[in-house]
Amino acid sequence: MNKKTIYVASIISLSLTTALAGCSESKPSAGTTDGDASKAKKTVSLSMYDRGSIPPEVGTIENNLWTKWIQEKTNMNITFSPVPRGESVQKFNTLFASGSAPNLIQEYDGVFRNQLYNQKQIMPIDDMINKYSTVYKDQLTKFPLLKKLGMKEDGKLYEFGRVLGYVPYHYVLVREDWLKKLNLKAPETTEDLYQIAKAFANQDPDGNGKKDTYGLNLSTTNPGNDLWVDYIFQNTTWILQDGKWVKDWDRLKAATEFKKKLFDEGIIDKDFLTDKNGKKAQQDFVQGKTGIYGTGGGIRGFYSSAYETLKKNVPDAKLIVIPLPKSSFGQFTPPFNPPVQMTSVVNTDTKDQEGVMKLVDFLSSPEMIKASYFGQEGVHYKVENGKETIINADKNKKEVDWLSDLRMLGGQYLYNEFDTQIKSFDTSKPMEKEFVDLMNEMYKINITKDRPLANITLGSYMPQLPSDMDFINKTLNDTTNPIKDLYNKAIVSGSGYSVEQADQEAKSLWKKSDGDKLEKWYQDWYSKNKDQLVTPKDLLDMNFK
């Protein structure tokens, strides 16, 4: 993976040092920054999630060292409106009903933001960007997906967002030492995957003289990562076929038949369905009992919960990352975390659009992004060999670590989550160096244009369903959905209940539960709005250098 060049470091260092001069007690300096005391300060308001995470000695969500710093940097009077994170929608509804909602609404819930649009409680932002913006306007030009995702049906822009960069979330690991011991090559097709998994389960790859190993896992610790075998078959519920958005059954049936074969032949853990959180599968892996392991999530968490333990239990274990093997439907790459996320809208009651835009530009700036991660250079961190090193972990925990909600706008890709986690490892230590190399290879394999995305688009970019269609979708396609239950029953029932039976019953249930209406809604949406769909090309064409 190419490392990003953080070109703003010196500017940020200078500006932060100036703005927070005398911050040895972590209190930003008083006074204005633009030296024009005669100019009336603009007054704006914005919402801030209140997670109850700010230490009392630092202040409150409305008034702390960083809210003061932001006001000084912008030379504005800013009201920070606290919104309980777990009850944000209820709080916003109350604020709007009382006419006291802030100018800038920061909320992750896209359904709620869409509700505000339908109720005409938010305003278009095209004009304010064109007239008053510099930073955010530049990001719109550099990352067109920001505009595509922020636009509503009337063709106008309503939502601000942030650019996160690429963060792979699903990956497949193989015990390379087992491959060498059994004189096998890494699997490239589903037939290879079956044969190698079978060998791992039956040919005593750990050399203990017992038949106590598994070929691969079907349950994982991260929600959704049990789909890794489904992604191989492009079993993702919906596909685009002959220019239409359709519900697929062939891929679902093929994926189920493959899983059933693994189950019937004892290649996988037969209790995988009861391993709801994947803890048993992870325990098998770290004990050196699983040859092919599909997993995902944050790499720092995977290192501490699994990789480090595996290496302690089995010091000679060697892992490689592989692409998803090729199936009869093609070869695909699994989905990754959304590289762009919309987060903020502007209240229609807002009078000072210039003030709001000035605030958005500052919150979107590289200066703000770096401060929210590391604090002040020389006070909270120092730069060593091009890497930010925390000076005092306890100090940062108290004064900086709760600032993530100040990153709801802007170019977070400058300190993208994957890179930040990679930088947290000490590569002078052999085990950590080995892991970093493995994860960098995983990034190259899973963030690529070489293989199409298994899904039509990423989950958070799917068309927004109306309430009646959303109810049908949740009924049929939830992670504990009845359709999936029928196919799981076929996997574990031996000859008592076939995949063909499950397929017939599932199609009947789909029809009875108005699945055809849901399919028609998606088809109609796609025929009218295909240009609004975020395509894999949109996703992978972004340049984060």
Protein backbone atom coordinates (compact mmCIF):
# COMPACT_ATOMS: atom_id res chain seq x y z
CA MET A 1 0.00 0.00 0.00
CA ASN A 2 1.29 3.43 -0.88
CA LYS A 3 1.72 5.60 2.19
CA LYS A 4 0.12 8.99 2.05
CA THR A 5 2.28 12.08 2.23
CA ILE A 6 0.98 14.31 4.96
CA TYR A 7 1.74 17.59 3.32
CA VAL A 8 0.16 19.81 5.92
CA ALA A 9 2.34 18.92 8.89
CA SER A 10 4.45 22.04 9.09
CA ILE A 11 1.52 24.39 8.57
CA ILE A 12 -0.53 22.57 11.18
CA SER A 13 2.33 22.57 13.63
CA LEU A 14 2.81 26.31 13.25
CA SER A 15 -0.88 27.18 13.44
CA LEU A 16 -1.56 24.91 16.39
CA THR A 17 1.43 26.21 18.27
CA THR A 18 0.30 29.77 17.67
CA ALA A 19 -3.33 29.09 18.53
CA LEU A 20 -2.55 27.12 21.65
CA ALA A 21 0.45 29.12 22.80
CA GLY A 22 1.05 28.82 26.52
CA CYS A 23 -0.91 25.56 26.56
CA SER A 24 1.42 23.88 29.02
CA GLU A 25 -1.69 23.56 31.15
CA SER A 26 -3.64 22.51 28.04
CA LYS A 27 -5.67 25.72 27.92
CA PRO A 28 -5.81 27.46 24.52
CA SER A 29 -4.70 31.09 24.60
CA ALA A 30 -7.28 33.83 24.87
CA GLY A 31 -7.99 36.53 22.30
CA THR A 32 -8.93 36.67 18.65
CA THR A 33 -6.80 35.43 15.80
CA ASP A 34 -7.56 37.74 12.90
CA GLY A 35 -6.71 40.93 14.76
CA ASP A 36 -9.86 42.77 13.71
CA ALA A 37 -11.59 43.55 16.99
CA SER A 38 -13.81 46.12 15.33
CA LYS A 39 -15.44 43.54 13.07
CA ALA A 40 -18.56 42.01 14.59
CA LYS A 41 -18.21 38.29 15.21
CA LYS A 42 -20.56 35.96 13.42
CA THR A 43 -22.83 33.86 15.59
CA VAL A 44 -23.61 30.27 14.59
CA SER A 45 -24.69 27.07 16.31
CA LEU A 46 -24.00 23.40 15.72
CA SER A 47 -24.94 20.12 17.33
CA MET A 48 -22.38 17.94 19.08
CA TYR A 49 -22.90 14.39 20.26
CA ASP A 50 -22.73 14.11 24.02
CA ARG A 51 -21.36 10.67 24.85
CA GLY A 52 -20.58 11.48 28.48
CA SER A 53 -16.90 10.92 27.73
CA ILE A 54 -15.43 14.31 28.63
CA PRO A 55 -13.63 14.32 32.01
CA PRO A 56 -15.27 16.90 34.31
CA GLU A 57 -11.99 18.69 34.91
CA VAL A 58 -11.69 19.39 31.17
CA GLY A 59 -15.18 20.88 30.84
CA THR A 60 -18.46 20.03 29.16
CA ILE A 61 -19.47 19.35 25.57
CA GLU A 62 -20.56 22.99 25.33
CA ASN A 63 -17.52 24.53 26.97
CA ASN A 64 -14.04 23.00 27.00
CA LEU A 65 -10.52 23.80 25.83
CA TRP A 66 -11.29 22.76 22.26
CA THR A 67 -14.59 24.62 21.87
CA LYS A 68 -12.70 27.73 22.96
CA TRP A 69 -9.92 26.98 20.50
CA ILE A 70 -12.37 26.58 17.59
CA GLN A 71 -14.02 29.90 18.44
CA GLU A 72 -10.65 31.62 18.57
CA LYS A 73 -9.49 30.09 15.28
CA THR A 74 -12.69 31.11 13.47
CA ASN A 75 -13.21 34.40 15.39
CA MET A 76 -16.86 33.43 15.78
CA ASN A 77 -19.37 33.11 18.59
CA ILE A 78 -20.29 29.44 18.38
CA THR A 79 -22.98 27.71 20.40
CA PHE A 80 -22.35 23.99 20.79
CA SER A 81 -25.69 22.24 21.27
CA PRO A 82 -25.33 18.90 23.10
CA VAL A 83 -27.27 15.91 21.74
CA PRO A 84 -27.23 12.57 23.63
CA ARG A 85 -25.68 10.06 21.22
CA GLY A 86 -28.11 7.26 22.00
CA GLU A 87 -31.18 9.51 21.76
CA SER A 88 -30.11 11.91 19.03
CA VAL A 89 -33.17 11.60 16.78
CA GLN A 90 -35.57 12.19 19.67
CA LYS A 91 -33.53 15.19 20.80
CA PHE A 92 -33.41 16.70 17.31
CA ASN A 93 -37.16 16.25 16.89
CA THR A 94 -37.69 18.11 20.17
CA LEU A 95 -35.34 20.91 19.12
CA PHE A 96 -37.05 21.34 15.75
CA ALA A 97 -40.50 21.28 17.35
CA SER A 98 -39.49 24.07 19.72
CA GLY A 99 -37.78 26.12 17.01
CA SER A 100 -34.42 25.82 18.75
CA ALA A 101 -32.57 23.40 16.47
CA PRO A 102 -29.00 24.56 15.72
CA ASN A 103 -27.87 25.88 12.36
CA LEU A 104 -25.60 22.93 11.56
CA ILE A 105 -27.10 19.51 12.31
CA GLN A 106 -24.45 16.79 12.64
CA GLU A 107 -26.10 13.36 12.60
CA TYR A 108 -24.91 9.98 11.29
CA ASP A 109 -28.44 8.61 10.77
CA GLY A 110 -29.13 8.97 7.03
CA VAL A 111 -32.77 7.95 7.44
CA PHE A 112 -33.33 10.86 9.81
CA ARG A 113 -31.49 13.32 7.58
CA ASN A 114 -33.70 12.20 4.70
CA GLN A 115 -36.74 12.74 6.91
CA LEU A 116 -35.62 16.32 7.53
CA TYR A 117 -35.32 16.80 3.77
CA ASN A 118 -38.82 15.43 3.13
CA GLN A 119 -40.18 17.72 5.85
CA LYS A 120 -38.38 20.71 4.26
CA GLN A 121 -36.51 21.40 7.51
CA ILE A 122 -33.10 21.63 5.83
CA MET A 123 -31.90 23.94 3.05
CA PRO A 124 -29.91 23.41 -0.15
CA ILE A 125 -26.24 24.24 0.34
CA ASP A 126 -25.07 24.76 -3.27
CA ASP A 127 -25.19 28.57 -3.11
CA MET A 128 -23.43 28.91 0.24
CA ILE A 129 -20.64 26.62 -0.99
CA ASN A 130 -20.23 28.54 -4.24
CA LYS A 131 -20.26 31.95 -2.53
CA TYR A 132 -18.38 31.38 0.70
CA SER A 133 -16.43 28.10 0.70
CA THR A 134 -12.80 27.38 -0.08
CA VAL A 135 -11.86 24.19 1.80
CA TYR A 136 -15.07 22.21 1.30
CA LYS A 137 -15.47 23.45 -2.28
CA ASP A 138 -12.01 22.07 -3.05
CA GLN A 139 -12.94 18.70 -1.52
CA LEU A 140 -16.08 18.54 -3.67
CA THR A 141 -13.92 19.02 -6.74
CA LYS A 142 -11.35 16.47 -5.66
CA PHE A 143 -13.91 13.86 -4.54
CA PRO A 144 -17.04 13.97 -6.77
CA LEU A 145 -18.63 11.22 -4.66
CA LEU A 146 -19.18 13.86 -1.94
CA LYS A 147 -21.50 15.65 -4.35
CA LYS A 148 -23.20 12.51 -5.63
CA LEU A 149 -24.03 11.33 -2.12
CA GLY A 150 -25.06 14.76 -0.87
CA MET A 151 -27.56 15.42 -3.65
CA LYS A 152 -31.31 14.83 -3.33
CA GLU A 153 -34.02 14.05 -5.89
CA ASP A 154 -34.48 17.70 -6.84
CA GLY A 155 -30.89 17.84 -8.11
CA LYS A 156 -29.66 20.13 -5.34
CA LEU A 157 -26.98 19.52 -2.74
CA TYR A 158 -28.23 19.21 0.85
CA GLU A 159 -25.63 17.26 2.82
CA PHE A 160 -22.05 17.85 3.90
CA GLY A 161 -19.81 14.86 4.51
CA ARG A 162 -16.35 13.54 5.22
CA VAL A 163 -13.83 11.59 3.15
CA LEU A 164 -12.50 8.62 5.08
CA GLY A 165 -10.31 6.83 2.55
CA TYR A 166 -10.21 3.10 1.94
CA VAL A 167 -10.42 0.75 4.92
CA PRO A 168 -10.71 -2.97 4.04
CA TYR A 169 -13.03 -4.84 6.37
CA HIS A 170 -13.11 -8.47 5.20
CA TYR A 171 -10.13 -10.72 4.57
CA VAL A 172 -9.20 -14.40 4.22
CA LEU A 173 -6.08 -15.84 5.87
CA VAL A 174 -4.47 -19.22 5.13
CA ARG A 175 -1.95 -21.18 7.18
CA GLU A 176 1.00 -21.12 4.77
CA ASP A 177 2.96 -23.56 6.95
CA TRP A 178 0.14 -26.10 6.52
CA LEU A 179 0.15 -25.61 2.76
CA LYS A 180 3.88 -26.34 2.64
CA LYS A 181 3.60 -29.33 4.93
CA LEU A 182 0.91 -30.92 2.74
CA ASN A 183 2.58 -29.78 -0.51
CA LEU A 184 -0.42 -27.64 -1.52
CA LYS A 185 -0.82 -24.27 -3.19
CA ALA A 186 -3.10 -21.44 -2.05
CA PRO A 187 -6.66 -21.89 -3.36
CA GLU A 188 -7.59 -19.98 -6.52
CA THR A 189 -11.02 -21.53 -7.24
CA THR A 190 -13.90 -22.90 -5.19
CA GLU A 191 -12.80 -26.42 -6.11
CA ASP A 192 -9.31 -25.60 -4.79
CA LEU A 193 -10.87 -24.16 -1.66
CA TYR A 194 -12.85 -27.34 -1.07
CA GLN A 195 -9.90 -29.67 -1.70
CA ILE A 196 -7.49 -27.70 0.49
CA ALA A 197 -10.02 -27.29 3.30
CA LYS A 198 -10.66 -31.03 3.12
CA ALA A 199 -6.94 -31.75 3.38
CA PHE A 200 -6.57 -29.38 6.33
CA ALA A 201 -9.40 -31.21 8.13
CA ASN A 202 -8.28 -34.77 7.37
CA GLN A 203 -4.50 -34.91 6.91
CA ASP A 204 -3.31 -33.89 10.39
CA PRO A 205 -1.57 -30.63 9.35
CA ASP A 206 -0.62 -29.78 12.96
CA GLY A 207 1.10 -33.16 13.37
CA ASN A 208 -0.47 -34.15 16.68
CA GLY A 209 -1.80 -37.47 15.41
CA LYS A 210 -5.42 -36.44 15.97
CA LYS A 211 -8.27 -35.47 13.65
CA ASP A 212 -8.97 -32.21 15.44
CA THR A 213 -8.51 -29.51 12.80
CA TYR A 214 -10.97 -27.61 10.61
CA GLY A 215 -10.63 -26.66 6.99
CA LEU A 216 -12.27 -23.25 7.37
CA ASN A 217 -14.72 -21.24 9.49
CA LEU A 218 -18.27 -20.09 8.77
CA SER A 219 -18.78 -18.04 11.94
CA THR A 220 -16.78 -14.95 12.86
CA THR A 221 -16.50 -12.36 15.60
CA ASN A 222 -17.50 -9.45 13.35
CA PRO A 223 -21.14 -9.12 12.22
CA GLY A 224 -21.40 -9.77 8.52
CA ASN A 225 -18.01 -11.43 8.14
CA ASP A 226 -19.69 -14.83 8.07
CA LEU A 227 -20.59 -13.71 4.56
CA TRP A 228 -17.07 -14.28 3.25
CA VAL A 229 -18.03 -17.56 1.56
CA ASP A 230 -21.17 -15.89 0.19
CA TYR A 231 -19.05 -13.17 -1.40
CA ILE A 232 -17.14 -15.88 -3.27
CA PHE A 233 -20.41 -16.85 -4.98
CA GLN A 234 -21.67 -13.24 -5.23
CA ASN A 235 -24.51 -14.31 -2.95
CA THR A 236 -25.46 -10.76 -1.94
CA THR A 237 -29.28 -10.84 -2.39
CA TRP A 238 -29.35 -8.37 -5.30
CA ILE A 239 -27.55 -8.33 -8.65
CA LEU A 240 -27.66 -6.25 -11.82
CA GLN A 241 -28.58 -8.50 -14.71
CA ASP A 242 -29.43 -7.47 -18.26
CA GLY A 243 -29.82 -3.89 -17.14
CA LYS A 244 -32.22 -4.75 -14.32
CA TRP A 245 -32.00 -4.89 -10.53
CA VAL A 246 -33.13 -8.40 -9.58
CA LYS A 247 -33.32 -10.76 -6.64
CA ASP A 248 -30.89 -13.62 -7.25
CA TRP A 249 -31.58 -17.22 -6.31
CA ASP A 250 -28.93 -19.13 -8.28
CA ARG A 251 -26.00 -17.74 -6.28
CA LEU A 252 -27.77 -18.33 -2.98
CA LYS A 253 -28.39 -21.95 -3.90
CA ALA A 254 -24.80 -22.51 -5.06
CA ALA A 255 -23.32 -20.97 -1.90
CA THR A 256 -25.60 -23.14 0.25
CA GLU A 257 -24.66 -26.31 -1.63
CA PHE A 258 -20.98 -25.51 -1.09
CA LYS A 259 -21.47 -24.95 2.64
CA LYS A 260 -23.52 -28.13 2.94
CA LYS A 261 -20.76 -30.12 1.29
CA LEU A 262 -18.27 -28.78 3.82
CA PHE A 263 -20.66 -29.57 6.67
CA ASP A 264 -21.56 -33.09 5.53
CA GLU A 265 -17.90 -34.05 5.13
CA GLY A 266 -16.88 -32.72 8.55
CA ILE A 267 -14.61 -30.04 7.10
CA ILE A 268 -16.10 -27.26 9.24
CA ASP A 269 -17.24 -26.99 12.84
CA LYS A 270 -20.70 -28.57 12.94
CA ASP A 271 -21.74 -26.19 15.70
CA PHE A 272 -21.09 -23.08 13.60
CA LEU A 273 -24.73 -21.96 13.72
CA THR A 274 -24.70 -21.78 17.51
CA ASP A 275 -21.43 -19.81 17.49
CA LYS A 276 -23.35 -16.54 17.15
CA ASN A 277 -20.48 -14.19 17.97
CA GLY A 278 -17.70 -16.25 16.39
CA LYS A 279 -15.81 -16.68 19.65
CA LYS A 280 -15.56 -20.44 19.24
CA ALA A 281 -14.22 -20.06 15.68
CA GLN A 282 -11.66 -17.52 16.85
CA GLN A 283 -10.61 -19.79 19.71
CA ASP A 284 -10.08 -22.64 17.25
CA PHE A 285 -8.00 -20.35 15.04
CA VAL A 286 -5.74 -19.02 17.80
CA GLN A 287 -5.24 -22.55 19.10
CA GLY A 288 -3.92 -23.48 15.66
CA LYS A 289 -6.88 -25.63 14.67
CA THR A 290 -8.20 -23.79 11.57
CA GLY A 291 -6.42 -23.71 8.22
CA ILE A 292 -8.44 -21.06 6.34
CA TYR A 293 -9.84 -18.21 8.40
CA GLY A 294 -12.24 -15.57 7.11
CA THR A 295 -12.40 -12.55 9.40
CA GLY A 296 -12.33 -8.76 9.38
CA GLY A 297 -12.77 -5.56 11.32
CA GLY A 298 -10.10 -3.29 12.75
CA ILE A 299 -6.60 -4.65 12.32
CA ARG A 300 -5.41 -3.44 15.72
CA GLY A 301 -8.20 -5.40 17.38
CA PHE A 302 -7.46 -8.48 15.27
CA TYR A 303 -3.79 -8.33 16.23
CA SER A 304 -4.45 -8.17 19.97
CA SER A 305 -7.37 -10.63 20.06
CA ALA A 306 -6.16 -13.24 17.57
CA TYR A 307 -2.84 -12.87 15.77
CA GLU A 308 -0.68 -12.29 18.84
CA THR A 309 -2.33 -15.21 20.63
CA LEU A 310 -1.89 -17.53 17.64
CA LYS A 311 1.83 -16.73 17.47
CA LYS A 312 2.23 -17.38 21.18
CA ASN A 313 0.36 -20.67 20.99
CA VAL A 314 1.91 -21.79 17.69
CA PRO A 315 5.18 -19.85 17.17
CA ASP A 316 5.83 -21.51 13.80
CA ALA A 317 2.44 -20.57 12.35
CA LYS A 318 2.78 -18.56 9.13
CA LEU A 319 -0.14 -16.77 7.49
CA ILE A 320 -0.79 -15.43 4.01
CA VAL A 321 -3.72 -13.38 2.72
CA ILE A 322 -5.53 -14.59 -0.38
CA PRO A 323 -8.11 -13.02 -2.70
CA LEU A 324 -11.56 -14.57 -2.65
CA PRO A 325 -11.32 -17.70 -4.83
CA LYS A 326 -13.05 -17.76 -8.19
CA SER A 327 -16.50 -19.37 -8.43
CA SER A 328 -18.69 -20.21 -11.42
CA PHE A 329 -20.12 -16.69 -11.16
CA GLY A 330 -16.74 -14.93 -11.36
CA GLN A 331 -14.08 -13.69 -8.96
CA PHE A 332 -14.97 -10.85 -6.63
CA THR A 333 -13.60 -8.58 -3.97
CA PRO A 334 -15.45 -8.22 -0.66
CA PRO A 335 -16.97 -4.87 0.35
CA PHE A 336 -14.97 -2.39 2.40
CA ASN A 337 -15.87 0.45 4.73
CA PRO A 338 -17.54 3.41 2.98
CA PRO A 339 -14.77 5.81 1.85
CA VAL A 340 -17.18 8.77 1.91
CA GLN A 341 -19.83 9.37 4.57
CA MET A 342 -22.47 12.09 4.65
CA THR A 343 -23.02 13.52 8.11
CA SER A 344 -24.39 17.08 8.25
CA VAL A 345 -27.24 19.31 7.06
CA VAL A 346 -28.24 22.97 7.52
CA ASN A 347 -31.41 24.11 9.30
CA THR A 348 -33.78 26.10 7.02
CA ASP A 349 -34.07 28.73 9.77
CA THR A 350 -30.38 29.59 9.39
CA LYS A 351 -29.88 33.30 8.66
CA ASP A 352 -26.10 33.54 8.40
CA GLN A 353 -25.13 31.08 5.67
CA GLU A 354 -21.67 32.63 5.38
CA GLY A 355 -21.03 31.96 9.06
CA VAL A 356 -22.13 28.33 8.75
CA MET A 357 -19.94 27.84 5.71
CA LYS A 358 -16.97 29.38 7.46
CA LEU A 359 -17.46 26.95 10.33
CA VAL A 360 -17.85 23.96 7.98
CA ASP A 361 -14.65 24.96 6.17
CA PHE A 362 -12.72 25.10 9.42
CA LEU A 363 -14.10 21.80 10.73
CA SER A 364 -13.23 20.29 7.32
CA SER A 365 -9.67 21.61 7.31
CA PRO A 366 -6.53 19.47 7.68
CA GLU A 367 -5.67 21.63 10.69
CA MET A 368 -8.80 20.56 12.54
CA ILE A 369 -8.47 16.93 11.49
CA LYS A 370 -4.94 16.61 12.82
CA ALA A 371 -5.77 18.42 16.06
CA SER A 372 -8.69 16.06 16.65
CA TYR A 373 -6.40 13.05 16.35
CA PHE A 374 -3.26 14.18 18.11
CA GLY A 375 -3.86 17.48 19.91
CA GLN A 376 -1.05 20.03 20.00
CA GLU A 377 2.48 19.25 18.87
CA GLY A 378 4.89 19.60 21.74
CA VAL A 379 2.09 19.29 24.28
CA HIS A 380 0.24 16.14 23.30
CA TYR A 381 2.52 14.58 20.68
CA LYS A 382 5.91 14.84 19.01
CA VAL A 383 7.00 13.78 15.54
CA GLU A 384 9.70 11.10 15.37
CA ASN A 385 10.78 9.58 12.04
CA GLY A 386 7.71 11.02 10.36
CA LYS A 387 5.36 9.46 12.90
CA GLU A 388 3.27 11.22 15.55
CA THR A 389 4.21 9.85 18.96
CA ILE A 390 2.02 10.50 21.99
CA ILE A 391 3.98 12.18 24.77
CA ASN A 392 1.71 11.26 27.70
CA ALA A 393 -1.04 8.68 27.13
CA ASP A 394 -2.96 9.71 30.24
CA LYS A 395 -2.92 13.36 29.19
CA ASN A 396 -4.21 12.49 25.72
CA LYS A 397 -6.88 10.25 27.14
CA LYS A 398 -8.15 13.15 29.20
CA GLU A 399 -7.76 15.96 26.67
CA VAL A 400 -7.78 14.50 23.14
CA ASP A 401 -9.12 10.97 22.81
CA TRP A 402 -12.79 12.02 22.99
CA LEU A 403 -12.53 14.36 19.97
CA SER A 404 -13.72 11.90 17.31
CA ASP A 405 -17.03 13.76 16.87
CA LEU A 406 -15.07 16.77 15.64
CA ARG A 407 -14.18 14.63 12.64
CA MET A 408 -17.66 14.43 11.16
CA LEU A 409 -16.59 16.71 8.31
CA GLY A 410 -13.58 17.00 6.05
CA GLY A 411 -10.61 15.01 4.84
CA GLN A 412 -10.19 12.30 7.41
CA TYR A 413 -8.41 10.30 4.70
CA LEU A 414 -5.32 12.34 5.67
CA TYR A 415 -5.23 10.18 8.81
CA ASN A 416 -7.24 7.27 7.51
CA GLU A 417 -8.16 4.58 10.03
CA PHE A 418 -6.14 1.86 8.31
CA ASP A 419 -2.97 3.95 8.11
CA THR A 420 -3.39 5.19 11.67
CA GLN A 421 -3.65 1.63 12.96
CA ILE A 422 -0.67 0.53 10.86
CA LYS A 423 1.40 3.39 12.31
CA SER A 424 0.56 2.24 15.83
CA PHE A 425 2.70 -0.90 15.43
CA ASP A 426 6.38 -1.02 16.35
CA THR A 427 8.00 -2.56 13.28
CA SER A 428 11.32 -2.93 15.09
CA LYS A 429 9.66 -5.92 16.78
CA PRO A 430 9.66 -8.97 14.46
CA MET A 431 6.11 -10.12 15.25
CA GLU A 432 4.62 -6.67 14.70
CA LYS A 433 6.67 -6.18 11.50
CA GLU A 434 5.41 -9.52 10.20
CA PHE A 435 1.82 -8.52 10.95
CA VAL A 436 2.16 -5.08 9.32
CA ASP A 437 3.54 -6.71 6.16
CA LEU A 438 0.62 -9.15 6.17
CA MET A 439 -1.96 -6.38 6.54
CA ASN A 440 -0.36 -4.20 3.86
CA GLU A 441 -0.63 -7.14 1.49
CA MET A 442 -4.25 -7.60 2.56
CA TYR A 443 -4.93 -3.97 1.63
CA LYS A 444 -3.47 -4.43 -1.86
CA ILE A 445 -5.54 -7.56 -2.41
CA ASN A 446 -8.86 -6.14 -1.22
CA ILE A 447 -8.71 -2.53 -2.44
CA THR A 448 -8.32 -3.20 -6.15
CA LYS A 449 -9.86 -2.65 -9.57
CA ASP A 450 -8.68 -6.10 -10.67
CA ARG A 451 -11.83 -7.85 -9.46
CA PRO A 452 -15.40 -6.50 -9.34
CA LEU A 453 -17.11 -5.74 -6.06
CA ALA A 454 -19.34 -8.63 -4.98
CA ASN A 455 -22.19 -6.24 -4.11
CA ILE A 456 -24.01 -3.84 -6.41
CA THR A 457 -22.73 -1.10 -4.11
CA LEU A 458 -21.72 -0.75 -0.47
CA GLY A 459 -24.56 -1.27 2.01
CA SER A 460 -24.70 2.33 3.23
CA TYR A 461 -25.00 3.55 -0.38
CA MET A 462 -28.06 1.45 -1.20
CA PRO A 463 -31.17 3.39 -2.31
CA GLN A 464 -33.18 4.79 0.60
CA LEU A 465 -36.29 2.63 0.99
CA PRO A 466 -39.69 4.09 1.91
CA SER A 467 -41.09 2.79 5.20
CA ASP A 468 -43.34 0.10 3.68
CA MET A 469 -40.49 -1.32 1.55
CA ASP A 470 -38.07 -1.04 4.47
CA PHE A 471 -40.40 -3.18 6.56
CA ILE A 472 -40.47 -5.89 3.89
CA ASN A 473 -36.70 -5.72 3.48
CA LYS A 474 -36.02 -6.08 7.21
CA THR A 475 -38.48 -8.95 7.44
CA LEU A 476 -36.88 -10.91 4.61
CA ASN A 477 -33.24 -9.83 4.56
CA ASP A 478 -32.28 -9.21 8.17
CA THR A 479 -29.28 -11.17 9.48
CA THR A 480 -31.70 -13.54 11.24
CA ASN A 481 -34.12 -13.60 8.31
CA PRO A 482 -36.43 -16.56 7.65
CA ILE A 483 -35.02 -17.04 4.14
CA LYS A 484 -31.54 -17.59 5.51
CA ASP A 485 -32.92 -19.89 8.21
CA LEU A 486 -34.37 -22.21 5.55
CA TYR A 487 -31.04 -22.53 3.76
CA ASN A 488 -29.17 -23.00 7.04
CA LYS A 489 -31.60 -25.79 7.87
CA ALA A 490 -30.64 -27.49 4.60
CA ILE A 491 -26.93 -27.18 5.44
CA VAL A 492 -27.20 -29.00 8.78
CA SER A 493 -30.03 -31.48 8.10
CA GLY A 494 -28.15 -34.14 6.20
CA SER A 495 -30.47 -35.88 3.76
CA GLY A 496 -33.54 -34.95 5.81
CA TYR A 497 -34.00 -31.55 4.21
CA SER A 498 -32.38 -30.76 0.88
CA VAL A 499 -31.12 -27.52 -0.58
CA GLU A 500 -33.74 -27.95 -3.31
CA GLN A 501 -36.49 -28.07 -0.69
CA ALA A 502 -35.11 -24.98 1.00
CA ASP A 503 -34.95 -23.22 -2.35
CA GLN A 504 -38.60 -23.96 -3.16
CA GLU A 505 -39.84 -22.95 0.31
CA ALA A 506 -37.75 -19.79 0.30
CA LYS A 507 -39.16 -18.64 -3.03
CA SER A 508 -42.69 -19.30 -1.79
CA LEU A 509 -42.02 -17.37 1.44
CA TRP A 510 -40.49 -14.52 -0.53
CA LYS A 511 -43.62 -14.18 -2.62
CA LYS A 512 -46.00 -14.47 0.35
CA SER A 513 -44.02 -11.81 2.24
CA ASP A 514 -44.19 -9.31 -0.66
CA GLY A 515 -40.61 -9.84 -1.73
CA ASP A 516 -41.75 -9.34 -5.35
CA LYS A 517 -42.97 -5.85 -4.42
CA LEU A 518 -39.57 -5.05 -2.95
CA GLU A 519 -37.84 -6.31 -6.08
CA LYS A 520 -40.15 -4.20 -8.26
CA TRP A 521 -39.41 -1.11 -6.15
CA TYR A 522 -35.67 -1.57 -6.68
CA GLN A 523 -36.18 -2.19 -10.41
CA ASP A 524 -38.27 0.98 -10.74
CA TRP A 525 -35.76 3.00 -8.73
CA TYR A 526 -32.87 1.77 -10.86
CA SER A 527 -34.62 2.44 -14.17
CA LYS A 528 -35.24 6.07 -13.11
CA ASN A 529 -32.17 6.81 -11.00
CA LYS A 530 -29.31 4.63 -12.21
CA ASP A 531 -27.09 7.72 -12.55
CA GLN A 532 -27.45 8.26 -8.78
CA LEU A 533 -26.20 4.78 -7.92
CA VAL A 534 -22.72 4.76 -6.38
CA THR A 535 -20.90 2.30 -8.61
CA PRO A 536 -17.72 0.33 -7.90
CA LYS A 537 -15.99 2.67 -10.37
CA ASP A 538 -17.11 5.66 -8.28
CA LEU A 539 -15.71 3.94 -5.21
CA LEU A 540 -12.33 2.93 -6.57
CA ASP A 541 -11.51 5.92 -8.77
CA MET A 542 -10.77 8.25 -5.85
CA ASN A 543 -7.21 9.48 -5.40
CA PHE A 544 -6.27 9.80 -1.73
CA LYS A 545 -2.63 10.70 -2.29
